[in-house]
C-alpha atoms as a PDB file:
ATOM      1  CA  UNK A   1      85.681  82.116 107.482  1.00  0.00           C
ATOM      2  CA  UNK A   2      82.549  83.231 105.632  1.00  0.00           C
ATOM      3  CA  UNK A   3      83.169  84.742 102.178  1.00  0.00           C
ATOM      4  CA  UNK A   4      86.920  84.634 102.798  1.00  0.00           C
ATOM      5  CA  UNK A   5      89.197  84.089  99.822  1.00  0.00           C
ATOM      6  CA  UNK A   6      91.878  81.430  99.847  1.00  0.00           C
ATOM      7  CA  UNK A   7      95.549  82.398  99.708  1.00  0.00           C
ATOM      8  CA  UNK A   8      98.122  79.664  99.163  1.00  0.00           C
ATOM      9  CA  UNK A   9     101.430  80.222 100.966  1.00  0.00           C
ATOM     10  CA  UNK A  10     104.325  78.555  99.161  1.00  0.00           C
ATOM     11  CA  UNK A  11     107.783  78.285 100.787  1.00  0.00           C
ATOM     12  CA  UNK A  12     110.364  77.967  98.001  1.00  0.00           C
ATOM     13  CA  UNK A  13     113.632  77.971  99.961  1.00  0.00           C
ATOM     14  CA  UNK A  14     116.631  79.391  98.104  1.00  0.00           C
ATOM     15  CA  UNK A  15     115.755  80.656  94.628  1.00  0.00           C
ATOM     16  CA  UNK A  16     117.798  82.335  91.909  1.00  0.00           C
ATOM     17  CA  UNK A  17     116.518  85.888  91.542  1.00  0.00           C
ATOM     18  CA  UNK A  18     115.765  85.735  87.807  1.00  0.00           C
ATOM     19  CA  UNK A  19     114.114  82.328  88.228  1.00  0.00           C
ATOM     20  CA  UNK A  20     111.879  83.852  90.906  1.00  0.00           C
ATOM     21  CA  UNK A  21     110.913  86.661  88.522  1.00  0.00           C
ATOM     22  CA  UNK A  22     109.922  84.110  85.892  1.00  0.00           C
ATOM     23  CA  UNK A  23     107.860  82.113  88.409  1.00  0.00           C
ATOM     24  CA  UNK A  24     106.061  85.312  89.397  1.00  0.00           C
ATOM     25  CA  UNK A  25     105.271  86.136  85.766  1.00  0.00           C
ATOM     26  CA  UNK A  26     103.725  82.735  85.138  1.00  0.00           C
ATOM     27  CA  UNK A  27     101.707  82.760  88.349  1.00  0.00           C
ATOM     28  CA  UNK A  28     100.622  86.381  87.831  1.00  0.00           C
ATOM     29  CA  UNK A  29      99.105  85.345  84.494  1.00  0.00           C
ATOM     30  CA  UNK A  30      97.174  82.507  86.135  1.00  0.00           C
ATOM     31  CA  UNK A  31      95.867  84.693  88.974  1.00  0.00           C
ATOM     32  CA  UNK A  32      94.918  87.444  86.510  1.00  0.00           C
ATOM     33  CA  UNK A  33      92.990  84.936  84.408  1.00  0.00           C
ATOM     34  CA  UNK A  34      91.267  83.530  87.485  1.00  0.00           C
ATOM     35  CA  UNK A  35      92.686  80.017  87.131  1.00  0.00           C
ATOM     36  CA  UNK A  36      94.528  80.390  90.465  1.00  0.00           C
ATOM     37  CA  UNK A  37      93.559  82.183  93.659  1.00  0.00           C
ATOM     38  CA  UNK A  38      95.853  84.467  95.625  1.00  0.00           C
ATOM     39  CA  UNK A  39      99.402  83.350  96.401  1.00  0.00           C
ATOM     40  CA  UNK A  40     102.183  84.236  98.824  1.00  0.00           C
ATOM     41  CA  UNK A  41     105.634  83.084  97.690  1.00  0.00           C
ATOM     42  CA  UNK A  42     108.316  82.949 100.398  1.00  0.00           C
ATOM     43  CA  UNK A  43     112.015  82.490  99.670  1.00  0.00           C
ATOM     44  CA  UNK A  44     115.642  83.594 100.004  1.00  0.00           C
ATOM     45  CA  UNK A  45     117.964  84.851  97.255  1.00  0.00           C
ATOM     46  CA  UNK A  46     121.695  84.732  96.709  1.00  0.00           C
ATOM     47  CA  UNK A  47     123.484  88.112  96.851  1.00  0.00           C
ATOM     48  CA  UNK A  48     121.863  90.543  94.423  1.00  0.00           C
ATOM     49  CA  UNK A  49     121.340  94.281  94.028  1.00  0.00           C
ATOM     50  CA  UNK A  50     118.098  95.218  92.310  1.00  0.00           C
ATOM     51  CA  UNK A  51     117.104  98.567  90.830  1.00  0.00           C
ATOM     52  CA  UNK A  52     113.432  99.486  90.688  1.00  0.00           C
ATOM     53  CA  UNK A  53     111.893 101.865  88.168  1.00  0.00           C
ATOM     54  CA  UNK A  54     113.507 104.899  89.860  1.00  0.00           C
ATOM     55  CA  UNK A  55     116.792 103.130  90.581  1.00  0.00           C
ATOM     56  CA  UNK A  56     120.115 104.628  89.476  1.00  0.00           C
ATOM     57  CA  UNK A  57     123.332 102.698  88.887  1.00  0.00           C
ATOM     58  CA  UNK A  58     125.174 105.572  90.580  1.00  0.00           C
ATOM     59  CA  UNK A  59     123.513 104.447  93.845  1.00  0.00           C
ATOM     60  CA  UNK A  60     125.593 101.241  93.709  1.00  0.00           C
ATOM     61  CA  UNK A  61     129.146 101.896  94.902  1.00  0.00           C
ATOM     62  CA  UNK A  62     130.412  98.315  94.713  1.00  0.00           C
ATOM     63  CA  UNK A  63     133.470  97.852  92.512  1.00  0.00           C
ATOM     64  CA  UNK A  64     133.627  95.210  89.807  1.00  0.00           C
ATOM     65  CA  UNK A  65     136.177  93.397  91.993  1.00  0.00           C
ATOM     66  CA  UNK A  66     133.728  93.347  94.912  1.00  0.00           C
ATOM     67  CA  UNK A  67     130.878  92.114  92.715  1.00  0.00           C
ATOM     68  CA  UNK A  68     133.071  89.373  91.258  1.00  0.00           C
ATOM     69  CA  UNK A  69     134.627  88.298  94.573  1.00  0.00           C
ATOM     70  CA  UNK A  70     131.281  87.917  96.329  1.00  0.00           C
ATOM     71  CA  UNK A  71     129.344  86.816  93.235  1.00  0.00           C
ATOM     72  CA  UNK A  72     126.840  89.663  93.510  1.00  0.00           C
ATOM     73  CA  UNK A  73     124.446  90.134  90.598  1.00  0.00           C
ATOM     74  CA  UNK A  74     122.798  93.421  89.545  1.00  0.00           C
ATOM     75  CA  UNK A  75     119.358  93.441  87.929  1.00  0.00           C
ATOM     76  CA  UNK A  76     116.978  96.152  86.750  1.00  0.00           C
ATOM     77  CA  UNK A  77     113.388  95.206  87.607  1.00  0.00           C
ATOM     78  CA  UNK A  78     109.906  96.628  87.043  1.00  0.00           C
ATOM     79  CA  UNK A  79     108.899  97.137  90.671  1.00  0.00           C
ATOM     80  CA  UNK A  80     108.530 100.524  92.294  1.00  0.00           C
ATOM     81  CA  UNK A  81     111.336 102.017  94.331  1.00  0.00           C
ATOM     82  CA  UNK A  82     115.051 102.361  93.857  1.00  0.00           C
ATOM     83  CA  UNK A  83     118.076 100.231  94.836  1.00  0.00           C
ATOM     84  CA  UNK A  84     118.006  97.493  97.437  1.00  0.00           C
ATOM     85  CA  UNK A  85     119.926  94.363  98.413  1.00  0.00           C
ATOM     86  CA  UNK A  86     118.704  90.780  98.723  1.00  0.00           C
ATOM     87  CA  UNK A  87     120.730  87.943 100.184  1.00  0.00           C
ATOM     88  CA  UNK A  88     120.829  84.909 102.473  1.00  0.00           C
ATOM     89  CA  UNK A  89     119.186  85.475 105.842  1.00  0.00           C
ATOM     90  CA  UNK A  90     116.574  87.792 104.365  1.00  0.00           C
ATOM     91  CA  UNK A  91     112.959  86.623 104.037  1.00  0.00           C
ATOM     92  CA  UNK A  92     111.567  87.590 100.653  1.00  0.00           C
ATOM     93  CA  UNK A  93     107.798  87.665 100.247  1.00  0.00           C
ATOM     94  CA  UNK A  94     106.159  87.914  96.829  1.00  0.00           C
ATOM     95  CA  UNK A  95     102.370  88.142  97.236  1.00  0.00           C
ATOM     96  CA  UNK A  96     100.459  87.612  93.997  1.00  0.00           C
ATOM     97  CA  UNK A  97      97.155  89.089  95.072  1.00  0.00           C
ATOM     98  CA  UNK A  98      94.083  90.207  93.104  1.00  0.00           C
ATOM     99  CA  UNK A  99      93.344  93.654  94.505  1.00  0.00           C
ATOM    100  CA  UNK A 100      90.252  94.260  92.400  1.00  0.00           C
ATOM    101  CA  UNK A 101      87.856  93.536  95.275  1.00  0.00           C
ATOM    102  CA  UNK A 102      90.362  93.891  98.138  1.00  0.00           C
ATOM    103  CA  UNK A 103      91.566  97.495  97.997  1.00  0.00           C
ATOM    104  CA  UNK A 104      93.910  99.933  96.281  1.00  0.00           C
ATOM    105  CA  UNK A 105      97.723 100.166  96.105  1.00  0.00           C
ATOM    106  CA  UNK A 106      98.198 102.366  99.176  1.00  0.00           C
ATOM    107  CA  UNK A 107      96.004 100.126 101.344  1.00  0.00           C
ATOM    108  CA  UNK A 108      97.996  97.143 100.070  1.00  0.00           C
ATOM    109  CA  UNK A 109     101.413  98.618 100.902  1.00  0.00           C
ATOM    110  CA  UNK A 110     100.222  99.702 104.355  1.00  0.00           C
ATOM    111  CA  UNK A 111      98.897  96.187 104.979  1.00  0.00           C
ATOM    112  CA  UNK A 112     102.298  94.685 104.113  1.00  0.00           C
ATOM    113  CA  UNK A 113     103.949  97.094 106.545  1.00  0.00           C
ATOM    114  CA  UNK A 114     101.457  96.091 109.236  1.00  0.00           C
ATOM    115  CA  UNK A 115     102.082  92.377 108.645  1.00  0.00           C
ATOM    116  CA  UNK A 116     105.817  92.882 109.153  1.00  0.00           C
ATOM    117  CA  UNK A 117     105.363  95.190 112.134  1.00  0.00           C
ATOM    118  CA  UNK A 118     103.096  92.674 113.886  1.00  0.00           C
ATOM    119  CA  UNK A 119     105.568  89.869 113.149  1.00  0.00           C
ATOM    120  CA  UNK A 120     108.402  91.872 114.691  1.00  0.00           C
ATOM    121  CA  UNK A 121     106.259  92.598 117.738  1.00  0.00           C
ATOM    122  CA  UNK A 122     105.849  88.868 118.368  1.00  0.00           C
ATOM    123  CA  UNK A 123     109.646  88.654 118.629  1.00  0.00           C
ATOM    124  CA  UNK A 124     109.837  91.602 121.018  1.00  0.00           C
ATOM    125  CA  UNK A 125     110.885  94.168 118.403  1.00  0.00           C
ATOM    126  CA  UNK A 126     109.037  97.483 118.418  1.00  0.00           C
ATOM    127  CA  UNK A 127     108.748  99.085 114.981  1.00  0.00           C
ATOM    128  CA  UNK A 128     107.003 102.071 113.480  1.00  0.00           C
ATOM    129  CA  UNK A 129     105.926 101.471 109.881  1.00  0.00           C
ATOM    130  CA  UNK A 130     104.258 104.859 109.517  1.00  0.00           C
ATOM    131  CA  UNK A 131     106.783 107.519 110.618  1.00  0.00           C
ATOM    132  CA  UNK A 132     109.330 107.113 107.797  1.00  0.00           C
ATOM    133  CA  UNK A 133     109.363 106.419 104.029  1.00  0.00           C
ATOM    134  CA  UNK A 134     107.809 103.199 102.734  1.00  0.00           C
ATOM    135  CA  UNK A 135     109.042 100.120 104.587  1.00  0.00           C
ATOM    136  CA  UNK A 136     109.335  99.157 108.226  1.00  0.00           C
ATOM    137  CA  UNK A 137     111.738 100.959 110.548  1.00  0.00           C
ATOM    138  CA  UNK A 138     113.133 100.285 114.016  1.00  0.00           C
ATOM    139  CA  UNK A 139     114.719 103.223 115.812  1.00  0.00           C
ATOM    140  CA  UNK A 140     115.379 105.059 112.513  1.00  0.00           C
ATOM    141  CA  UNK A 141     116.951 101.972 110.921  1.00  0.00           C
ATOM    142  CA  UNK A 142     115.236 100.088 108.117  1.00  0.00           C
ATOM    143  CA  UNK A 143     114.463  96.449 108.860  1.00  0.00           C
ATOM    144  CA  UNK A 144     112.192  95.694 105.897  1.00  0.00           C
ATOM    145  CA  UNK A 145     111.925  97.090 102.366  1.00  0.00           C
ATOM    146  CA  UNK A 146     108.817  97.100 100.199  1.00  0.00           C
ATOM    147  CA  UNK A 147     108.650  97.475  96.418  1.00  0.00           C
ATOM    148  CA  UNK A 148     105.653  96.327  94.392  1.00  0.00           C
ATOM    149  CA  UNK A 149     104.177  96.210  90.927  1.00  0.00           C
ATOM    150  CA  UNK A 150     100.453  96.048  90.156  1.00  0.00           C
ATOM    151  CA  UNK A 151      99.321  94.958  86.709  1.00  0.00           C
ATOM    152  CA  UNK A 152      95.759  93.987  85.737  1.00  0.00           C
ATOM    153  CA  UNK A 153      94.845  94.524  89.424  1.00  0.00           C
ATOM    154  CA  UNK A 154      97.282  91.756  90.483  1.00  0.00           C
ATOM    155  CA  UNK A 155     100.461  92.323  92.504  1.00  0.00           C
ATOM    156  CA  UNK A 156     104.005  91.072  92.043  1.00  0.00           C
ATOM    157  CA  UNK A 157     107.298  91.733  93.844  1.00  0.00           C
ATOM    158  CA  UNK A 158     106.703  92.540  97.531  1.00  0.00           C
ATOM    159  CA  UNK A 159     108.817  92.777 100.674  1.00  0.00           C
ATOM    160  CA  UNK A 160     112.219  91.854 102.089  1.00  0.00           C
ATOM    161  CA  UNK A 161     112.525  91.355 105.857  1.00  0.00           C
ATOM    162  CA  UNK A 162     116.032  91.307 107.333  1.00  0.00           C
ATOM    163  CA  UNK A 163     116.149  88.329 109.676  1.00  0.00           C
ATOM    164  CA  UNK A 164     119.853  87.514 109.825  1.00  0.00           C
ATOM    165  CA  UNK A 165     121.563  88.792 106.639  1.00  0.00           C
ATOM    166  CA  UNK A 166     125.083  90.165 106.296  1.00  0.00           C
ATOM    167  CA  UNK A 167     124.221  93.855 106.616  1.00  0.00           C
ATOM    168  CA  UNK A 168     127.594  94.965 105.253  1.00  0.00           C
ATOM    169  CA  UNK A 169     126.262  94.506 101.706  1.00  0.00           C
ATOM    170  CA  UNK A 170     124.022  97.532 102.298  1.00  0.00           C
ATOM    171  CA  UNK A 171     127.162  99.648 102.706  1.00  0.00           C
ATOM    172  CA  UNK A 172     127.772  99.300  98.967  1.00  0.00           C
ATOM    173  CA  UNK A 173     124.529 101.054  97.963  1.00  0.00           C
ATOM    174  CA  UNK A 174     122.229 103.970  98.750  1.00  0.00           C
ATOM    175  CA  UNK A 175     119.383 101.828 100.107  1.00  0.00           C
ATOM    176  CA  UNK A 176     116.046 102.843  98.561  1.00  0.00           C
ATOM    177  CA  UNK A 177     117.646 106.112  97.423  1.00  0.00           C
ATOM    178  CA  UNK A 178     117.993 107.457 100.978  1.00  0.00           C
ATOM    179  CA  UNK A 179     121.539 108.752 101.672  1.00  0.00           C
ATOM    180  CA  UNK A 180     122.966 107.817 105.088  1.00  0.00           C
ATOM    181  CA  UNK A 181     120.089 105.362 105.615  1.00  0.00           C
ATOM    182  CA  UNK A 182     120.815 102.839 108.352  1.00  0.00           C
ATOM    183  CA  UNK A 183     119.806  99.202 108.084  1.00  0.00           C
ATOM    184  CA  UNK A 184     119.166  96.674 110.827  1.00  0.00           C
ATOM    185  CA  UNK A 185     117.937  93.104 111.250  1.00  0.00           C
ATOM    186  CA  UNK A 186     115.912  90.996 113.646  1.00  0.00           C
ATOM    187  CA  UNK A 187     119.090  89.257 114.814  1.00  0.00           C
ATOM    188  CA  UNK A 188     120.707  92.623 115.582  1.00  0.00           C
ATOM    189  CA  UNK A 189     117.744  93.781 117.619  1.00  0.00           C
ATOM    190  CA  UNK A 190     117.236  90.500 119.458  1.00  0.00           C
ATOM    191  CA  UNK A 191     120.949  90.078 120.076  1.00  0.00           C
ATOM    192  CA  UNK A 192     120.895  86.458 118.965  1.00  0.00           C
ATOM    193  CA  UNK A 193     120.553  84.355 115.832  1.00  0.00           C
ATOM    194  CA  UNK A 194     117.060  83.603 114.601  1.00  0.00           C
ATOM    195  CA  UNK A 195     115.972  81.087 111.986  1.00  0.00           C
ATOM    196  CA  UNK A 196     113.913  81.611 108.876  1.00  0.00           C
ATOM    197  CA  UNK A 197     111.751  78.669 109.972  1.00  0.00           C
ATOM    198  CA  UNK A 198     110.846  80.474 113.198  1.00  0.00           C
ATOM    199  CA  UNK A 199     109.725  83.642 111.426  1.00  0.00           C
ATOM    200  CA  UNK A 200     107.789  82.301 108.424  1.00  0.00           C
ATOM    201  CA  UNK A 201     104.753  80.802 110.244  1.00  0.00           C
ATOM    202  CA  UNK A 202     104.403  83.904 112.427  1.00  0.00           C
ATOM    203  CA  UNK A 203     104.463  86.218 109.415  1.00  0.00           C
ATOM    204  CA  UNK A 204     101.999  84.057 107.481  1.00  0.00           C
ATOM    205  CA  UNK A 205      99.598  84.054 110.434  1.00  0.00           C
ATOM    206  CA  UNK A 206      99.604  87.863 110.506  1.00  0.00           C
ATOM    207  CA  UNK A 207      99.278  87.992 106.713  1.00  0.00           C
ATOM    208  CA  UNK A 208      96.166  85.842 106.992  1.00  0.00           C
ATOM    209  CA  UNK A 209      94.574  88.040 109.661  1.00  0.00           C
ATOM    210  CA  UNK A 210      95.428  91.439 108.170  1.00  0.00           C
ATOM    211  CA  UNK A 211      94.498  90.572 104.596  1.00  0.00           C
ATOM    212  CA  UNK A 212      91.427  88.596 105.637  1.00  0.00           C
ATOM    213  CA  UNK A 213      92.445  85.491 103.700  1.00  0.00           C
ATOM    214  CA  UNK A 214      92.218  81.831 104.604  1.00  0.00           C
ATOM    215  CA  UNK A 215      95.751  80.491 104.281  1.00  0.00           C
ATOM    216  CA  UNK A 216      96.447  77.074 102.813  1.00  0.00           C
ATOM    217  CA  UNK A 217     100.004  75.820 102.461  1.00  0.00           C
ATOM    218  CA  UNK A 218     101.165  74.548  99.101  1.00  0.00           C
ATOM    219  CA  UNK A 219     104.140  73.907  96.854  1.00  0.00           C
ATOM    220  CA  UNK A 220     105.121  74.241  93.223  1.00  0.00           C
ATOM    221  CA  UNK A 221     105.218  70.687  91.970  1.00  0.00           C
ATOM    222  CA  UNK A 222     106.523  71.279  88.461  1.00  0.00           C
ATOM    223  CA  UNK A 223     108.381  74.514  87.652  1.00  0.00           C
ATOM    224  CA  UNK A 224     107.695  74.165  83.927  1.00  0.00           C
ATOM    225  CA  UNK A 225     103.941  74.124  84.435  1.00  0.00           C
ATOM    226  CA  UNK A 226     103.725  75.842  87.853  1.00  0.00           C
ATOM    227  CA  UNK A 227     101.318  73.302  89.316  1.00  0.00           C
ATOM    228  CA  UNK A 228     100.052  74.144  92.797  1.00  0.00           C
ATOM    229  CA  UNK A 229      99.481  71.286  95.239  1.00  0.00           C
ATOM    230  CA  UNK A 230      97.477  72.516  98.219  1.00  0.00           C
ATOM    231  CA  UNK A 231      98.265  71.146 101.697  1.00  0.00           C
ATOM    232  CA  UNK A 232     101.247  69.028 100.617  1.00  0.00           C
ATOM    233  CA  UNK A 233     102.344  66.194 102.891  1.00  0.00           C
END
């Protein structure tokens, strides 16, 4: 690919939410300084409700007993948007992308929506990312949420695609500040279970095409130093 920038895709498996925030901060600094190229972090989180910059605690209905019983954390974060849920069975993508020569915030968000929409299409799910508020929707139900932050032209936070999560956790919040919002998943629409491992390579392939990057797979070798090893064995 002539003049195409590299983007390293890094599957991280299950990650504590606050640990993932710290990893993003360290990698954001390196990408901003130019010591690392673009990155796409892919992971799952344990049960957590997060509130973006416009998020209100009143949009979380869960009782203290519910939060304690199911070990659900609540965190205020610096992304855009309001309240959402992350949990097992949900693919979390945190692109750390230098937008300075790629495009602006709106183009970036629309590209993320397109990546998810194309991924869903490959699994026979028809979505419309453009007819509703930010995110990806299937028959008026939200299947993927998007909330980003851009600092020094470099992105953090990103998207959450519902593959096979327990959707009942969404009943305890006003998702993304939209009352009576319905939520769905790939498993619901397909009518069968679907694995994270089946979805990740498809999504990364569309990410590569839509963003115009050359994807290389990597891993974080040492969390304390955030060393990237490209094309790990």
